[in-house]
Every structure is written in structure tokens, then in C-alpha cells.
Amino acid sequence: MEQMLAELTPWVNQYGLIAIYIGMLFEGSTVILAAGVLCYLHMIPLGETIAVAAAGGITSDQMWYFAGKRYAHKLISRFDFLHRGIAAFQKKIAGKERWMSALAHFIYSGAVFIPLLLGMQRFDHATFTRYSILGVSLWALLGVMVGYLLGSGIETVVGKIDHIGHLLLIFLGIGATVWLLGRYFRRLKY
């Protein structure tokens, strides 16, 4: 196990920021927490991690916005059951598009669906981008810092342990956090 860690650490040092950027395109919450823990372990630099996480989140928002603008209507036309849900959602966010642009990453599944739907309804791209940058930057800062504190908390609770133990606890902690947040948000009624 120690040999595996010895091989893994240089990889994380060299490719960790690239992995964070790519991970932010699809599953930001888990990636950003893990990035914060890796910053706590001094495997990747804190400032660069926040910047890369924000860049990945902004890229993701743009990608999903343009996917919604270009392809959402075609996709929805194939599945009638989506019409009612999307119409109800659009009715709820009418007049709140700026706030939704900024807060998309703070809402469960919002990082994908909100830019997608705002693109679909042809919300002004420049306004979307401004608010998206603001929201994603704040989200990246807070997310990495929560991960950093999670790493610190793990060490406080468990005590000083080697990097292998840290990595195992990172994955367990992130998995438990995602599971608990998923349960919590499924209970909420919109």
C-alpha cells in the first residue's frame, strides 16, 4: 500500500489540477471537496486549485448553456413527459434568471440543469456569463475551503495518520457527504 501511495503522490502533484479541471466539467461537488482535502495534504497548491476549479466550473456552465441553446428543444421534442416538468421549472424561475445563473452550483443538480435550461430559453448569454462567473468563483472558493477543513477535521478526529489513511478517509468522507446531501435534497419539495 505504501508503494502505491509513493507512486500516486507524484501523479497527483503533476496531474491533479488537470484532473480537477476535467472533473469540474461533469461532477463538481465531489471533485471540489476532494481538491480541498488534497490541498490540506499539500499535494496540490491551494490558490491554483481554487482558480482551476473556478475555470472548470465556468467552462462547464458555458458548455451546458450552449448545449441547452442548441440541442434541448430537439431532445425535449422526443420525450413528451419532459415538457410538463420543464414548463413548471421555467415558470418558477421566471424573473429570477440572474440569481439562478449565480447560484446554480449551490443547488443540487443545478450546475448542469440550470445552464441547460437557461440556454434553452435563450436567456441573454452575456448576463448569464457575468452571473455565472460570480457564482462559480464563490462556489469554488467555498468548496475548496470546505474540503480543506474536512481534511483538517479528519486529522483532528482520527489523529495523525499516514497519507494512505488520508486517501481512504477522503473517499469515504466524500462518498458519505454526497450520499447524505442526496438524501437531504430528495426530501425537499419544490
C-alpha atoms as a PDB file:
ATOM      1  CA  MET A   1       0.000   0.000   0.000  1.00  0.00           C
ATOM      2  CA  GLU A   2       2.835   2.399   0.791  1.00  0.00           C
ATOM      3  CA  GLN A   3       4.386   1.683  -2.584  1.00  0.00           C
ATOM      4  CA  MET A   4       1.072   2.527  -4.262  1.00  0.00           C
ATOM      5  CA  LEU A   5       0.962   5.833  -2.403  1.00  0.00           C
ATOM      6  CA  ALA A   6       4.546   6.571  -3.358  1.00  0.00           C
ATOM      7  CA  GLU A   7       3.557   6.090  -6.992  1.00  0.00           C
ATOM      8  CA  LEU A   8       0.284   8.009  -6.649  1.00  0.00           C
ATOM      9  CA  THR A   9       1.601  11.149  -4.937  1.00  0.00           C
ATOM     10  CA  PRO A  10       3.794  12.372  -7.830  1.00  0.00           C
ATOM     11  CA  TRP A  11       0.909  11.734 -10.218  1.00  0.00           C
ATOM     12  CA  VAL A  12      -1.421  13.860  -8.088  1.00  0.00           C
ATOM     13  CA  ASN A  13       1.258  16.565  -7.833  1.00  0.00           C
ATOM     14  CA  GLN A  14       1.754  16.609 -11.597  1.00  0.00           C
ATOM     15  CA  TYR A  15      -1.751  15.963 -12.970  1.00  0.00           C
ATOM     16  CA  GLY A  16      -4.033  16.855 -10.055  1.00  0.00           C
ATOM     17  CA  LEU A  17      -5.005  20.292 -11.355  1.00  0.00           C
ATOM     18  CA  ILE A  18      -5.799  18.883 -14.802  1.00  0.00           C
ATOM     19  CA  ALA A  19      -7.939  16.180 -13.213  1.00  0.00           C
ATOM     20  CA  ILE A  20      -9.754  18.810 -11.148  1.00  0.00           C
ATOM     21  CA  TYR A  21     -10.486  20.899 -14.242  1.00  0.00           C
ATOM     22  CA  ILE A  22     -11.855  17.905 -16.163  1.00  0.00           C
ATOM     23  CA  GLY A  23     -13.810  16.697 -13.147  1.00  0.00           C
ATOM     24  CA  MET A  24     -15.423  20.111 -12.734  1.00  0.00           C
ATOM     25  CA  LEU A  25     -16.953  19.777 -16.189  1.00  0.00           C
ATOM     26  CA  PHE A  26     -19.201  16.937 -15.041  1.00  0.00           C
ATOM     27  CA  GLU A  27     -19.240  16.363 -11.264  1.00  0.00           C
ATOM     28  CA  GLY A  28     -18.075  19.439  -9.475  1.00  0.00           C
ATOM     29  CA  SER A  29     -19.224  18.865  -5.903  1.00  0.00           C
ATOM     30  CA  THR A  30     -17.284  15.692  -5.262  1.00  0.00           C
ATOM     31  CA  VAL A  31     -14.232  16.932  -7.142  1.00  0.00           C
ATOM     32  CA  ILE A  32     -14.096  20.256  -5.326  1.00  0.00           C
ATOM     33  CA  LEU A  33     -14.263  18.618  -1.890  1.00  0.00           C
ATOM     34  CA  ALA A  34     -11.539  16.146  -2.816  1.00  0.00           C
ATOM     35  CA  ALA A  35      -9.448  19.029  -4.173  1.00  0.00           C
ATOM     36  CA  GLY A  36      -9.715  20.835  -0.852  1.00  0.00           C
ATOM     37  CA  VAL A  37      -8.580  17.758   1.046  1.00  0.00           C
ATOM     38  CA  LEU A  38      -5.652  17.329  -1.349  1.00  0.00           C
ATOM     39  CA  CYS A  39      -4.734  20.975  -0.693  1.00  0.00           C
ATOM     40  CA  TYR A  40      -4.768  20.271   3.018  1.00  0.00           C
ATOM     41  CA  LEU A  41      -2.394  17.359   2.414  1.00  0.00           C
ATOM     42  CA  HIS A  42      -0.097  19.739   0.469  1.00  0.00           C
ATOM     43  CA  MET A  43      -0.368  17.578  -2.628  1.00  0.00           C
ATOM     44  CA  ILE A  44      -1.635  20.476  -4.766  1.00  0.00           C
ATOM     45  CA  PRO A  45      -1.382  24.263  -4.203  1.00  0.00           C
ATOM     46  CA  LEU A  46      -4.419  25.955  -2.649  1.00  0.00           C
ATOM     47  CA  GLY A  47      -4.556  29.148  -4.743  1.00  0.00           C
ATOM     48  CA  GLU A  48      -4.084  27.377  -8.053  1.00  0.00           C
ATOM     49  CA  THR A  49      -6.685  24.786  -7.085  1.00  0.00           C
ATOM     50  CA  ILE A  50      -9.322  27.455  -6.435  1.00  0.00           C
ATOM     51  CA  ALA A  51      -8.525  29.135  -9.776  1.00  0.00           C
ATOM     52  CA  VAL A  52      -8.623  25.844 -11.705  1.00  0.00           C
ATOM     53  CA  ALA A  53     -11.863  24.781 -10.000  1.00  0.00           C
ATOM     54  CA  ALA A  54     -13.447  28.122 -10.925  1.00  0.00           C
ATOM     55  CA  ALA A  55     -12.208  27.850 -14.525  1.00  0.00           C
ATOM     56  CA  GLY A  56     -13.616  24.333 -14.812  1.00  0.00           C
ATOM     57  CA  GLY A  57     -16.959  25.432 -13.366  1.00  0.00           C
ATOM     58  CA  ILE A  58     -17.181  28.404 -15.727  1.00  0.00           C
ATOM     59  CA  THR A  59     -16.311  26.197 -18.697  1.00  0.00           C
ATOM     60  CA  SER A  60     -18.937  23.701 -17.566  1.00  0.00           C
ATOM     61  CA  ASP A  61     -21.595  26.414 -17.335  1.00  0.00           C
ATOM     62  CA  GLN A  62     -20.776  27.615 -20.841  1.00  0.00           C
ATOM     63  CA  MET A  63     -20.804  24.076 -22.200  1.00  0.00           C
ATOM     64  CA  TRP A  64     -24.214  23.293 -20.687  1.00  0.00           C
ATOM     65  CA  TYR A  65     -25.644  26.702 -21.665  1.00  0.00           C
ATOM     66  CA  PHE A  66     -24.759  26.201 -25.326  1.00  0.00           C
ATOM     67  CA  ALA A  67     -25.901  22.563 -25.231  1.00  0.00           C
ATOM     68  CA  GLY A  68     -29.277  23.799 -23.998  1.00  0.00           C
ATOM     69  CA  LYS A  69     -29.415  26.517 -26.605  1.00  0.00           C
ATOM     70  CA  ARG A  70     -28.555  24.150 -29.446  1.00  0.00           C
ATOM     71  CA  TYR A  71     -29.935  20.724 -28.522  1.00  0.00           C
ATOM     72  CA  ALA A  72     -32.501  20.922 -25.698  1.00  0.00           C
ATOM     73  CA  HIS A  73     -35.515  21.637 -27.886  1.00  0.00           C
ATOM     74  CA  LYS A  74     -34.685  18.667 -30.130  1.00  0.00           C
ATOM     75  CA  LEU A  75     -34.279  16.389 -27.130  1.00  0.00           C
ATOM     76  CA  ILE A  76     -37.449  17.562 -25.418  1.00  0.00           C
ATOM     77  CA  SER A  77     -39.482  17.142 -28.595  1.00  0.00           C
ATOM     78  CA  ARG A  78     -38.637  13.426 -28.472  1.00  0.00           C
ATOM     79  CA  PHE A  79     -39.807  12.976 -24.864  1.00  0.00           C
ATOM     80  CA  ASP A  80     -43.247  14.404 -24.127  1.00  0.00           C
ATOM     81  CA  PHE A  81     -43.010  13.784 -20.382  1.00  0.00           C
ATOM     82  CA  LEU A  82     -40.229  16.380 -20.123  1.00  0.00           C
ATOM     83  CA  HIS A  83     -42.466  19.209 -21.337  1.00  0.00           C
ATOM     84  CA  ARG A  84     -44.508  19.470 -18.125  1.00  0.00           C
ATOM     85  CA  GLY A  85     -41.521  19.415 -15.770  1.00  0.00           C
ATOM     86  CA  ILE A  86     -39.547  21.939 -17.769  1.00  0.00           C
ATOM     87  CA  ALA A  87     -42.544  24.227 -18.177  1.00  0.00           C
ATOM     88  CA  ALA A  88     -43.131  24.145 -14.414  1.00  0.00           C
ATOM     89  CA  PHE A  89     -39.468  24.836 -13.697  1.00  0.00           C
ATOM     90  CA  GLN A  90     -39.335  27.722 -16.175  1.00  0.00           C
ATOM     91  CA  LYS A  91     -42.439  29.202 -14.566  1.00  0.00           C
ATOM     92  CA  LYS A  92     -40.765  29.048 -11.139  1.00  0.00           C
ATOM     93  CA  ILE A  93     -37.556  30.755 -12.269  1.00  0.00           C
ATOM     94  CA  ALA A  94     -39.213  33.416 -14.441  1.00  0.00           C
ATOM     95  CA  GLY A  95     -37.697  36.751 -13.432  1.00  0.00           C
ATOM     96  CA  LYS A  96     -35.005  35.027 -11.333  1.00  0.00           C
ATOM     97  CA  GLU A  97     -32.674  34.005 -14.153  1.00  0.00           C
ATOM     98  CA  ARG A  98     -29.795  36.161 -12.903  1.00  0.00           C
ATOM     99  CA  TRP A  99     -29.960  34.657  -9.432  1.00  0.00           C
ATOM    100  CA  MET A 100     -30.253  31.177 -10.871  1.00  0.00           C
ATOM    101  CA  SER A 101     -27.166  31.816 -13.031  1.00  0.00           C
ATOM    102  CA  ALA A 102     -25.165  32.792  -9.954  1.00  0.00           C
ATOM    103  CA  LEU A 103     -26.497  30.127  -7.603  1.00  0.00           C
ATOM    104  CA  ALA A 104     -26.650  27.141  -9.976  1.00  0.00           C
ATOM    105  CA  HIS A 105     -23.687  25.357  -8.374  1.00  0.00           C
ATOM    106  CA  PHE A 106     -25.137  25.758  -4.900  1.00  0.00           C
ATOM    107  CA  ILE A 107     -28.297  23.843  -5.885  1.00  0.00           C
ATOM    108  CA  TYR A 108     -28.333  20.045  -6.112  1.00  0.00           C
ATOM    109  CA  SER A 109     -28.018  19.124  -9.825  1.00  0.00           C
ATOM    110  CA  GLY A 110     -28.240  22.819 -10.682  1.00  0.00           C
ATOM    111  CA  ALA A 111     -24.767  23.025 -12.208  1.00  0.00           C
ATOM    112  CA  VAL A 112     -25.984  21.044 -15.208  1.00  0.00           C
ATOM    113  CA  PHE A 113     -29.696  21.692 -15.452  1.00  0.00           C
ATOM    114  CA  ILE A 114     -29.868  25.417 -14.782  1.00  0.00           C
ATOM    115  CA  PRO A 115     -27.375  26.456 -17.506  1.00  0.00           C
ATOM    116  CA  LEU A 116     -29.016  23.922 -19.823  1.00  0.00           C
ATOM    117  CA  LEU A 117     -32.487  25.361 -19.243  1.00  0.00           C
ATOM    118  CA  LEU A 118     -31.336  28.973 -19.379  1.00  0.00           C
ATOM    119  CA  GLY A 119     -29.678  28.247 -22.703  1.00  0.00           C
ATOM    120  CA  MET A 120     -32.824  26.550 -23.911  1.00  0.00           C
ATOM    121  CA  GLN A 121     -34.961  29.584 -23.095  1.00  0.00           C
ATOM    122  CA  ARG A 122     -32.382  31.846 -24.786  1.00  0.00           C
ATOM    123  CA  PHE A 123     -31.543  33.851 -21.673  1.00  0.00           C
ATOM    124  CA  ASP A 124     -29.054  36.614 -22.525  1.00  0.00           C
ATOM    125  CA  HIS A 125     -25.619  34.977 -22.762  1.00  0.00           C
ATOM    126  CA  ALA A 126     -23.595  37.993 -21.560  1.00  0.00           C
ATOM    127  CA  THR A 127     -25.756  38.338 -18.445  1.00  0.00           C
ATOM    128  CA  PHE A 128     -25.617  34.591 -17.822  1.00  0.00           C
ATOM    129  CA  THR A 129     -21.821  34.632 -18.123  1.00  0.00           C
ATOM    130  CA  ARG A 130     -21.352  37.549 -15.708  1.00  0.00           C
ATOM    131  CA  TYR A 131     -23.519  35.990 -13.029  1.00  0.00           C
ATOM    132  CA  SER A 132     -22.086  32.542 -13.670  1.00  0.00           C
ATOM    133  CA  ILE A 133     -18.529  33.788 -13.155  1.00  0.00           C
ATOM    134  CA  LEU A 134     -19.552  35.461  -9.901  1.00  0.00           C
ATOM    135  CA  GLY A 135     -21.355  32.393  -8.577  1.00  0.00           C
ATOM    136  CA  VAL A 136     -18.785  29.826  -9.706  1.00  0.00           C
ATOM    137  CA  SER A 137     -15.897  31.824  -8.257  1.00  0.00           C
ATOM    138  CA  LEU A 138     -17.606  31.996  -4.878  1.00  0.00           C
ATOM    139  CA  TRP A 139     -18.569  28.324  -5.092  1.00  0.00           C
ATOM    140  CA  ALA A 140     -15.003  27.273  -5.963  1.00  0.00           C
ATOM    141  CA  LEU A 141     -13.563  29.255  -3.066  1.00  0.00           C
ATOM    142  CA  LEU A 142     -16.081  27.922  -0.552  1.00  0.00           C
ATOM    143  CA  GLY A 143     -15.984  24.351  -1.890  1.00  0.00           C
ATOM    144  CA  VAL A 144     -12.207  24.051  -1.757  1.00  0.00           C
ATOM    145  CA  MET A 145     -12.144  25.601   1.709  1.00  0.00           C
ATOM    146  CA  VAL A 146     -14.799  23.162   2.964  1.00  0.00           C
ATOM    147  CA  GLY A 147     -12.700  20.308   1.585  1.00  0.00           C
ATOM    148  CA  TYR A 148      -9.637  21.786   3.254  1.00  0.00           C
ATOM    149  CA  LEU A 149     -11.483  21.941   6.576  1.00  0.00           C
ATOM    150  CA  LEU A 150     -12.766  18.417   6.007  1.00  0.00           C
ATOM    151  CA  GLY A 151      -9.153  17.255   5.673  1.00  0.00           C
ATOM    152  CA  SER A 152      -8.258  19.118   8.846  1.00  0.00           C
ATOM    153  CA  GLY A 153     -11.260  17.675  10.667  1.00  0.00           C
ATOM    154  CA  ILE A 154     -10.428  14.144   9.605  1.00  0.00           C
ATOM    155  CA  GLU A 155      -6.941  14.545  11.012  1.00  0.00           C
ATOM    156  CA  THR A 156      -8.272  16.058  14.236  1.00  0.00           C
ATOM    157  CA  VAL A 157     -10.777  13.255  14.780  1.00  0.00           C
ATOM    158  CA  VAL A 158      -8.586  10.367  13.690  1.00  0.00           C
ATOM    159  CA  GLY A 159      -5.225  11.782  14.706  1.00  0.00           C
ATOM    160  CA  LYS A 160      -2.035  11.907  12.713  1.00  0.00           C
ATOM    161  CA  ILE A 161      -2.156   9.136  10.177  1.00  0.00           C
ATOM    162  CA  ASP A 162      -0.164   8.450   7.054  1.00  0.00           C
ATOM    163  CA  HIS A 163      -1.201   9.530   3.548  1.00  0.00           C
ATOM    164  CA  ILE A 164      -2.751   6.154   2.733  1.00  0.00           C
ATOM    165  CA  GLY A 165      -5.185   6.564   5.577  1.00  0.00           C
ATOM    166  CA  HIS A 166      -5.907  10.114   4.427  1.00  0.00           C
ATOM    167  CA  LEU A 167      -6.717   8.991   0.916  1.00  0.00           C
ATOM    168  CA  LEU A 168      -9.027   6.244   2.145  1.00  0.00           C
ATOM    169  CA  LEU A 169     -10.770   8.640   4.512  1.00  0.00           C
ATOM    170  CA  ILE A 170     -11.092  11.236   1.752  1.00  0.00           C
ATOM    171  CA  PHE A 171     -13.019   8.825  -0.436  1.00  0.00           C
ATOM    172  CA  LEU A 172     -15.143   7.566   2.449  1.00  0.00           C
ATOM    173  CA  GLY A 173     -15.882  11.106   3.644  1.00  0.00           C
ATOM    174  CA  ILE A 174     -16.768  12.371   0.197  1.00  0.00           C
ATOM    175  CA  GLY A 175     -18.926   9.358  -0.508  1.00  0.00           C
ATOM    176  CA  ALA A 176     -20.778   9.799   2.783  1.00  0.00           C
ATOM    177  CA  THR A 177     -21.206  13.535   2.173  1.00  0.00           C
ATOM    178  CA  VAL A 178     -22.598  13.036  -1.330  1.00  0.00           C
ATOM    179  CA  TRP A 179     -24.921  10.296  -0.085  1.00  0.00           C
ATOM    180  CA  LEU A 180     -26.219  12.431   2.800  1.00  0.00           C
ATOM    181  CA  LEU A 181     -26.691  15.504   0.611  1.00  0.00           C
ATOM    182  CA  GLY A 182     -28.528  13.391  -1.956  1.00  0.00           C
ATOM    183  CA  ARG A 183     -30.906  12.088   0.719  1.00  0.00           C
ATOM    184  CA  TYR A 184     -31.457  15.588   2.072  1.00  0.00           C
ATOM    185  CA  PHE A 185     -32.220  17.151  -1.302  1.00  0.00           C
ATOM    186  CA  ARG A 186     -34.509  14.306  -2.374  1.00  0.00           C
ATOM    187  CA  ARG A 187     -36.668  15.068   0.661  1.00  0.00           C
ATOM    188  CA  LEU A 188     -37.072  18.712  -0.281  1.00  0.00           C
ATOM    189  CA  LYS A 189     -40.203  19.540  -2.197  1.00  0.00           C
ATOM    190  CA  TYR A 190     -40.061  22.211  -4.852  1.00  0.00           C
END
